[in-house]
């Protein structure tokens, strides 16, 4: 079923943004965004961006420690 422009412009009653905060994430967005989609099995382990970032930083530290001294990043 396709809605006409006037029907599609109407907000559904079940959508309630009255407690929303305008611009809440604007500063982060302006700094740059990088959306990464996790596979379902990985997403089960990493529930939020903090846990993903922590794991990736540990992996980076490990990789750096494996570089020869003349190749250090």
PDB file of N, CA and C in Angstrom:
ATOM      1  N   UNK A   1       0.846  -1.182   0.000  1.00  0.00           N
ATOM      2  CA  UNK A   1       0.000   0.000   0.000  1.00  0.00           C
ATOM      3  C   UNK A   1       0.888   1.241   0.000  1.00  0.00           C
ATOM      4  N   UNK A   2       0.653   2.108  -0.946  1.00  0.00           N
ATOM      5  CA  UNK A   2       1.440   3.331  -1.064  1.00  0.00           C
ATOM      6  C   UNK A   2       0.625   4.495  -0.537  1.00  0.00           C
ATOM      7  N   UNK A   3       1.260   5.321   0.293  1.00  0.00           N
ATOM      8  CA  UNK A   3       0.579   6.479   0.870  1.00  0.00           C
ATOM      9  C   UNK A   3       0.801   7.702   0.002  1.00  0.00           C
ATOM     10  N   UNK A   4      -0.196   8.555  -0.042  1.00  0.00           N
ATOM     11  CA  UNK A   4      -0.019   9.825  -0.752  1.00  0.00           C
ATOM     12  C   UNK A   4       0.898  10.718   0.067  1.00  0.00           C
ATOM     13  N   UNK A   5       1.399  11.785  -0.533  1.00  0.00           N
ATOM     14  CA  UNK A   5       2.311  12.692   0.173  1.00  0.00           C
ATOM     15  C   UNK A   5       1.695  13.231   1.457  1.00  0.00           C
ATOM     16  N   UNK A   6       0.433  13.616   1.429  1.00  0.00           N
ATOM     17  CA  UNK A   6      -0.183  14.177   2.631  1.00  0.00           C
ATOM     18  C   UNK A   6      -0.307  13.127   3.728  1.00  0.00           C
ATOM     19  N   UNK A   7      -0.577  11.870   3.360  1.00  0.00           N
ATOM     20  CA  UNK A   7      -0.674  10.810   4.356  1.00  0.00           C
ATOM     21  C   UNK A   7       0.697  10.434   4.910  1.00  0.00           C
ATOM     22  N   UNK A   8       1.726  10.413   4.059  1.00  0.00           N
ATOM     23  CA  UNK A   8       3.057  10.016   4.516  1.00  0.00           C
ATOM     24  C   UNK A   8       3.706  11.094   5.371  1.00  0.00           C
ATOM     25  N   UNK A   9       3.232  12.329   5.293  1.00  0.00           N
ATOM     26  CA  UNK A   9       3.789  13.412   6.098  1.00  0.00           C
ATOM     27  C   UNK A   9       3.225  13.438   7.513  1.00  0.00           C
ATOM     28  N   UNK A  10       2.207  12.656   7.771  1.00  0.00           N
ATOM     29  CA  UNK A  10       1.582  12.643   9.083  1.00  0.00           C
ATOM     30  C   UNK A  10       2.354  11.757  10.053  1.00  0.00           C
ATOM     31  N   UNK A  11       2.520  12.224  11.272  1.00  0.00           N
ATOM     32  CA  UNK A  11       3.196  11.448  12.312  1.00  0.00           C
ATOM     33  C   UNK A  11       2.215  10.428  12.878  1.00  0.00           C
ATOM     34  N   UNK A  12       2.643   9.207  12.991  1.00  0.00           N
ATOM     35  CA  UNK A  12       1.782   8.184  13.573  1.00  0.00           C
ATOM     36  C   UNK A  12       1.618   8.460  15.062  1.00  0.00           C
ATOM     37  N   UNK A  13       0.459   8.151  15.623  1.00  0.00           N
ATOM     38  CA  UNK A  13       0.205   8.426  17.037  1.00  0.00           C
ATOM     39  C   UNK A  13       1.146   7.668  17.978  1.00  0.00           C
ATOM     40  N   UNK A  14       1.633   6.497  17.556  1.00  0.00           N
ATOM     41  CA  UNK A  14       2.506   5.723  18.443  1.00  0.00           C
ATOM     42  C   UNK A  14       3.933   6.271  18.499  1.00  0.00           C
ATOM     43  N   UNK A  15       4.266   7.222  17.630  1.00  0.00           N
ATOM     44  CA  UNK A  15       5.586   7.862  17.677  1.00  0.00           C
ATOM     45  C   UNK A  15       5.508   9.065  18.594  1.00  0.00           C
ATOM     46  N   UNK A  16       6.204   8.983  19.718  1.00  0.00           N
ATOM     47  CA  UNK A  16       6.170  10.069  20.695  1.00  0.00           C
ATOM     48  C   UNK A  16       7.591  10.591  20.926  1.00  0.00           C
ATOM     49  N   UNK A  17       7.878  11.750  20.386  1.00  0.00           N
ATOM     50  CA  UNK A  17       9.196  12.355  20.545  1.00  0.00           C
ATOM     51  C   UNK A  17       9.158  13.530  21.519  1.00  0.00           C
ATOM     52  N   UNK A  18       8.140  13.582  22.365  1.00  0.00           N
ATOM     53  CA  UNK A  18       7.979  14.720  23.278  1.00  0.00           C
ATOM     54  C   UNK A  18       9.121  14.816  24.290  1.00  0.00           C
ATOM     55  N   UNK A  19       9.791  13.702  24.587  1.00  0.00           N
ATOM     56  CA  UNK A  19      10.911  13.737  25.529  1.00  0.00           C
ATOM     57  C   UNK A  19      12.254  13.796  24.801  1.00  0.00           C
ATOM     58  N   UNK A  20      12.219  13.953  23.480  1.00  0.00           N
ATOM     59  CA  UNK A  20      13.447  14.011  22.694  1.00  0.00           C
ATOM     60  C   UNK A  20      14.220  15.290  22.956  1.00  0.00           C
ATOM     61  N   UNK A  21      15.511  15.228  22.696  1.00  0.00           N
ATOM     62  CA  UNK A  21      16.385  16.380  22.874  1.00  0.00           C
ATOM     63  C   UNK A  21      16.976  16.734  21.517  1.00  0.00           C
ATOM     64  N   UNK A  22      16.657  17.903  21.014  1.00  0.00           N
ATOM     65  CA  UNK A  22      17.155  18.332  19.711  1.00  0.00           C
ATOM     66  C   UNK A  22      18.665  18.544  19.789  1.00  0.00           C
ATOM     67  N   UNK A  23      19.380  17.969  18.825  1.00  0.00           N
ATOM     68  CA  UNK A  23      20.815  18.164  18.726  1.00  0.00           C
ATOM     69  C   UNK A  23      21.647  17.386  19.724  1.00  0.00           C
ATOM     70  N   UNK A  24      21.068  16.391  20.350  1.00  0.00           N
ATOM     71  CA  UNK A  24      21.763  15.631  21.401  1.00  0.00           C
ATOM     72  C   UNK A  24      23.087  15.045  20.901  1.00  0.00           C
ATOM     73  N   UNK A  25      23.130  14.590  19.669  1.00  0.00           N
ATOM     74  CA  UNK A  25      24.319  13.954  19.126  1.00  0.00           C
ATOM     75  C   UNK A  25      24.991  14.801  18.040  1.00  0.00           C
ATOM     76  N   UNK A  26      24.608  16.049  17.927  1.00  0.00           N
ATOM     77  CA  UNK A  26      25.107  16.898  16.851  1.00  0.00           C
ATOM     78  C   UNK A  26      26.629  17.076  16.911  1.00  0.00           C
ATOM     79  N   UNK A  27      27.181  17.281  18.094  1.00  0.00           N
ATOM     80  CA  UNK A  27      28.622  17.485  18.222  1.00  0.00           C
ATOM     81  C   UNK A  27      29.392  16.256  17.735  1.00  0.00           C
ATOM     82  N   UNK A  28      28.941  15.072  18.131  1.00  0.00           N
ATOM     83  CA  UNK A  28      29.582  13.838  17.673  1.00  0.00           C
ATOM     84  C   UNK A  28      29.448  13.687  16.168  1.00  0.00           C
ATOM     85  N   UNK A  29      28.284  14.016  15.631  1.00  0.00           N
ATOM     86  CA  UNK A  29      28.051  13.894  14.199  1.00  0.00           C
ATOM     87  C   UNK A  29      28.955  14.840  13.428  1.00  0.00           C
ATOM     88  N   UNK A  30      29.083  16.064  13.915  1.00  0.00           N
ATOM     89  CA  UNK A  30      29.936  17.046  13.257  1.00  0.00           C
ATOM     90  C   UNK A  30      31.396  16.620  13.273  1.00  0.00           C
ATOM     91  N   UNK A  31      31.808  15.911  14.322  1.00  0.00           N
ATOM     92  CA  UNK A  31      33.189  15.444  14.427  1.00  0.00           C
ATOM     93  C   UNK A  31      33.476  14.333  13.416  1.00  0.00           C
ATOM     94  N   UNK A  32      32.443  13.727  12.887  1.00  0.00           N
ATOM     95  CA  UNK A  32      32.599  12.659  11.905  1.00  0.00           C
ATOM     96  C   UNK A  32      31.934  11.395  12.387  1.00  0.00           C
ATOM     97  N   UNK A  33      31.345  10.690  11.471  1.00  0.00           N
ATOM     98  CA  UNK A  33      30.666   9.459  11.832  1.00  0.00           C
ATOM     99  C   UNK A  33      31.289   8.297  11.079  1.00  0.00           C
ATOM    100  N   UNK A  34      31.184   7.146  11.654  1.00  0.00           N
ATOM    101  CA  UNK A  34      31.678   5.931  11.038  1.00  0.00           C
ATOM    102  C   UNK A  34      30.786   4.800  11.518  1.00  0.00           C
ATOM    103  N   UNK A  35      29.852   4.431  10.704  1.00  0.00           N
ATOM    104  CA  UNK A  35      28.910   3.380  11.068  1.00  0.00           C
ATOM    105  C   UNK A  35      29.467   2.041  10.601  1.00  0.00           C
ATOM    106  N   UNK A  36      29.514   1.096  11.505  1.00  0.00           N
ATOM    107  CA  UNK A  36      29.999  -0.247  11.201  1.00  0.00           C
ATOM    108  C   UNK A  36      28.929  -1.234  11.633  1.00  0.00           C
ATOM    109  N   UNK A  37      28.580  -2.141  10.753  1.00  0.00           N
ATOM    110  CA  UNK A  37      27.585  -3.153  11.076  1.00  0.00           C
ATOM    111  C   UNK A  37      28.296  -4.434  11.501  1.00  0.00           C
ATOM    112  N   UNK A  38      27.907  -4.941  12.644  1.00  0.00           N
ATOM    113  CA  UNK A  38      28.492  -6.170  13.166  1.00  0.00           C
ATOM    114  C   UNK A  38      27.650  -7.366  12.746  1.00  0.00           C
ATOM    115  N   UNK A  39      28.310  -8.479  12.487  1.00  0.00           N
ATOM    116  CA  UNK A  39      27.575  -9.718  12.241  1.00  0.00           C
ATOM    117  C   UNK A  39      26.868 -10.114  13.531  1.00  0.00           C
ATOM    118  N   UNK A  40      25.803 -10.863  13.402  1.00  0.00           N
ATOM    119  CA  UNK A  40      24.959 -11.202  14.552  1.00  0.00           C
ATOM    120  C   UNK A  40      25.737 -11.898  15.666  1.00  0.00           C
ATOM    121  N   UNK A  41      26.642 -12.811  15.309  1.00  0.00           N
ATOM    122  CA  UNK A  41      27.388 -13.529  16.347  1.00  0.00           C
ATOM    123  C   UNK A  41      28.330 -12.599  17.108  1.00  0.00           C
ATOM    124  N   UNK A  42      28.876 -11.611  16.433  1.00  0.00           N
ATOM    125  CA  UNK A  42      29.764 -10.643  17.092  1.00  0.00           C
ATOM    126  C   UNK A  42      28.938  -9.684  17.947  1.00  0.00           C
ATOM    127  N   UNK A  43      27.791  -9.273  17.439  1.00  0.00           N
ATOM    128  CA  UNK A  43      26.927  -8.345  18.176  1.00  0.00           C
ATOM    129  C   UNK A  43      26.423  -8.952  19.483  1.00  0.00           C
ATOM    130  N   UNK A  44      26.313 -10.258  19.550  1.00  0.00           N
ATOM    131  CA  UNK A  44      25.892 -10.908  20.795  1.00  0.00           C
ATOM    132  C   UNK A  44      26.921 -10.716  21.898  1.00  0.00           C
ATOM    133  N   UNK A  45      28.179 -10.629  21.509  1.00  0.00           N
ATOM    134  CA  UNK A  45      29.269 -10.484  22.477  1.00  0.00           C
ATOM    135  C   UNK A  45      29.504  -9.016  22.819  1.00  0.00           C
ATOM    136  N   UNK A  46      29.474  -8.160  21.808  1.00  0.00           N
ATOM    137  CA  UNK A  46      29.746  -6.739  21.987  1.00  0.00           C
ATOM    138  C   UNK A  46      28.428  -5.976  21.952  1.00  0.00           C
ATOM    139  N   UNK A  47      27.918  -5.663  23.135  1.00  0.00           N
ATOM    140  CA  UNK A  47      26.573  -5.077  23.246  1.00  0.00           C
ATOM    141  C   UNK A  47      26.528  -3.579  22.960  1.00  0.00           C
ATOM    142  N   UNK A  48      27.693  -2.900  23.026  1.00  0.00           N
ATOM    143  CA  UNK A  48      27.678  -1.447  22.813  1.00  0.00           C
ATOM    144  C   UNK A  48      29.007  -0.996  22.213  1.00  0.00           C
ATOM    145  N   UNK A  49      29.064   0.248  21.781  1.00  0.00           N
ATOM    146  CA  UNK A  49      30.268   0.760  21.127  1.00  0.00           C
ATOM    147  C   UNK A  49      31.453   0.801  22.078  1.00  0.00           C
ATOM    148  N   UNK A  50      31.204   1.003  23.361  1.00  0.00           N
ATOM    149  CA  UNK A  50      32.297   1.033  24.334  1.00  0.00           C
ATOM    150  C   UNK A  50      33.039  -0.304  24.366  1.00  0.00           C
ATOM    151  N   UNK A  51      32.305  -1.408  24.372  1.00  0.00           N
ATOM    152  CA  UNK A  51      32.953  -2.720  24.423  1.00  0.00           C
ATOM    153  C   UNK A  51      33.689  -3.031  23.117  1.00  0.00           C
ATOM    154  N   UNK A  52      33.139  -2.607  22.004  1.00  0.00           N
ATOM    155  CA  UNK A  52      33.807  -2.801  20.718  1.00  0.00           C
ATOM    156  C   UNK A  52      35.100  -1.997  20.683  1.00  0.00           C
ATOM    157  N   UNK A  53      35.037  -0.733  21.074  1.00  0.00           N
ATOM    158  CA  UNK A  53      36.221   0.123  21.068  1.00  0.00           C
ATOM    159  C   UNK A  53      37.302  -0.414  22.003  1.00  0.00           C
ATOM    160  N   UNK A  54      36.909  -0.900  23.168  1.00  0.00           N
ATOM    161  CA  UNK A  54      37.874  -1.451  24.123  1.00  0.00           C
ATOM    162  C   UNK A  54      38.600  -2.661  23.504  1.00  0.00           C
ATOM    163  N   UNK A  55      37.843  -3.542  22.863  1.00  0.00           N
ATOM    164  CA  UNK A  55      38.440  -4.726  22.240  1.00  0.00           C
ATOM    165  C   UNK A  55      39.363  -4.338  21.087  1.00  0.00           C
ATOM    166  N   UNK A  56      38.948  -3.383  20.288  1.00  0.00           N
ATOM    167  CA  UNK A  56      39.788  -2.964  19.166  1.00  0.00           C
ATOM    168  C   UNK A  56      41.067  -2.267  19.644  1.00  0.00           C
ATOM    169  N   UNK A  57      40.970  -1.484  20.713  1.00  0.00           N
ATOM    170  CA  UNK A  57      42.177  -0.842  21.251  1.00  0.00           C
ATOM    171  C   UNK A  57      43.155  -1.886  21.806  1.00  0.00           C
ATOM    172  N   UNK A  58      42.634  -2.916  22.446  1.00  0.00           N
ATOM    173  CA  UNK A  58      43.499  -3.995  22.918  1.00  0.00           C
ATOM    174  C   UNK A  58      44.181  -4.696  21.744  1.00  0.00           C
ATOM    175  N   UNK A  59      43.431  -4.910  20.685  1.00  0.00           N
ATOM    176  CA  UNK A  59      43.992  -5.541  19.494  1.00  0.00           C
ATOM    177  C   UNK A  59      45.068  -4.649  18.870  1.00  0.00           C
ATOM    178  N   UNK A  60      44.836  -3.357  18.820  1.00  0.00           N
ATOM    179  CA  UNK A  60      45.839  -2.422  18.298  1.00  0.00           C
ATOM    180  C   UNK A  60      47.102  -2.445  19.150  1.00  0.00           C
ATOM    181  N   UNK A  61      46.931  -2.422  20.467  1.00  0.00           N
ATOM    182  CA  UNK A  61      48.091  -2.480  21.359  1.00  0.00           C
ATOM    183  C   UNK A  61      48.883  -3.763  21.138  1.00  0.00           C
ATOM    184  N   UNK A  62      48.183  -4.862  20.982  1.00  0.00           N
ATOM    185  CA  UNK A  62      48.846  -6.143  20.742  1.00  0.00           C
ATOM    186  C   UNK A  62      49.598  -6.114  19.414  1.00  0.00           C
ATOM    187  N   UNK A  63      48.963  -5.597  18.381  1.00  0.00           N
ATOM    188  CA  UNK A  63      49.608  -5.524  17.066  1.00  0.00           C
ATOM    189  C   UNK A  63      50.848  -4.637  17.122  1.00  0.00           C
ATOM    190  N   UNK A  64      50.762  -3.511  17.820  1.00  0.00           N
ATOM    191  CA  UNK A  64      51.916  -2.612  17.941  1.00  0.00           C
ATOM    192  C   UNK A  64      53.059  -3.290  18.685  1.00  0.00           C
ATOM    193  N   UNK A  65      52.734  -4.082  19.687  1.00  0.00           N
ATOM    194  CA  UNK A  65      53.787  -4.750  20.456  1.00  0.00           C
ATOM    195  C   UNK A  65      54.475  -5.837  19.643  1.00  0.00           C
ATOM    196  N   UNK A  66      53.868  -6.281  18.553  1.00  0.00           N
ATOM    197  CA  UNK A  66      54.443  -7.323  17.710  1.00  0.00           C
ATOM    198  C   UNK A  66      55.325  -6.755  16.605  1.00  0.00           C
ATOM    199  N   UNK A  67      55.290  -5.428  16.393  1.00  0.00           N
ATOM    200  CA  UNK A  67      56.106  -4.811  15.348  1.00  0.00           C
ATOM    201  C   UNK A  67      57.559  -4.725  15.782  1.00  0.00           C
ATOM    202  N   UNK A  68      58.476  -4.885  14.861  1.00  0.00           N
ATOM    203  CA  UNK A  68      59.886  -4.675  15.202  1.00  0.00           C
ATOM    204  C   UNK A  68      60.091  -3.212  15.589  1.00  0.00           C
ATOM    205  N   UNK A  69      61.091  -2.901  16.414  1.00  0.00           N
ATOM    206  CA  UNK A  69      61.304  -1.521  16.905  1.00  0.00           C
ATOM    207  C   UNK A  69      61.404  -0.490  15.782  1.00  0.00           C
ATOM    208  N   UNK A  70      61.970  -0.844  14.633  1.00  0.00           N
ATOM    209  CA  UNK A  70      62.120   0.118  13.546  1.00  0.00           C
ATOM    210  C   UNK A  70      60.819   0.345  12.775  1.00  0.00           C
ATOM    211  N   UNK A  71      59.769  -0.411  13.047  1.00  0.00           N
ATOM    212  CA  UNK A  71      58.475  -0.278  12.364  1.00  0.00           C
ATOM    213  C   UNK A  71      57.390   0.235  13.289  1.00  0.00           C
ATOM    214  N   UNK A  72      57.739   0.663  14.490  1.00  0.00           N
ATOM    215  CA  UNK A  72      56.737   1.092  15.471  1.00  0.00           C
ATOM    216  C   UNK A  72      55.897   2.216  14.892  1.00  0.00           C
ATOM    217  N   UNK A  73      54.617   2.155  15.153  1.00  0.00           N
ATOM    218  CA  UNK A  73      53.680   3.150  14.612  1.00  0.00           C
ATOM    219  C   UNK A  73      53.675   4.412  15.436  1.00  0.00           C
TER     220      UNK A  73
END
